[in-house]
Protein backbone atom coordinates (compact mmCIF):
# COMPACT_ATOMS: atom_id res chain seq x y z
CA MET A 1 11.79 -13.87 7.98
CA ILE A 2 11.97 -12.89 4.18
CA ASP A 3 8.07 -13.83 3.92
CA GLN A 4 7.30 -11.46 6.86
CA CYS A 5 9.48 -8.66 5.13
CA LEU A 6 7.57 -9.15 1.76
CA LYS A 7 4.14 -9.06 3.60
CA SER A 8 5.06 -5.97 5.23
CA TRP A 9 6.16 -4.43 1.89
CA TYR A 10 3.00 -5.57 0.36
CA ILE A 11 0.96 -3.94 3.05
CA ILE A 12 2.77 -0.53 2.78
CA ILE A 13 2.34 -0.48 -0.90
CA CYS A 14 -1.30 -1.46 -0.77
CA ARG A 15 -1.85 1.42 1.78
CA LYS A 16 -0.12 3.84 -0.59
CA ALA A 17 -1.99 2.76 -3.49
CA SER A 18 -5.35 2.98 -1.69
CA HIS A 19 -4.36 6.48 -0.48
CA THR A 20 -3.27 7.69 -3.87
CA ALA A 21 -6.56 6.36 -5.33
CA GLU A 22 -8.51 8.10 -2.80
CA ARG A 23 -6.87 11.40 -3.29
CA PHE A 24 -7.41 11.03 -7.13
CA ARG A 25 -11.14 10.17 -6.67
CA ASN A 26 -11.57 13.40 -4.35
CA GLN A 27 -10.29 15.68 -7.13
C-alpha cells in the first residue's frame, strides 16, 4: 500500500516537472 502511494506521488511529481519544463521551453 505504501509502495503504491509512493508510486502515485512519483507520477504526480514527474507530470508537474514535465509540464513546468514544457512551459519553460515555450517561453
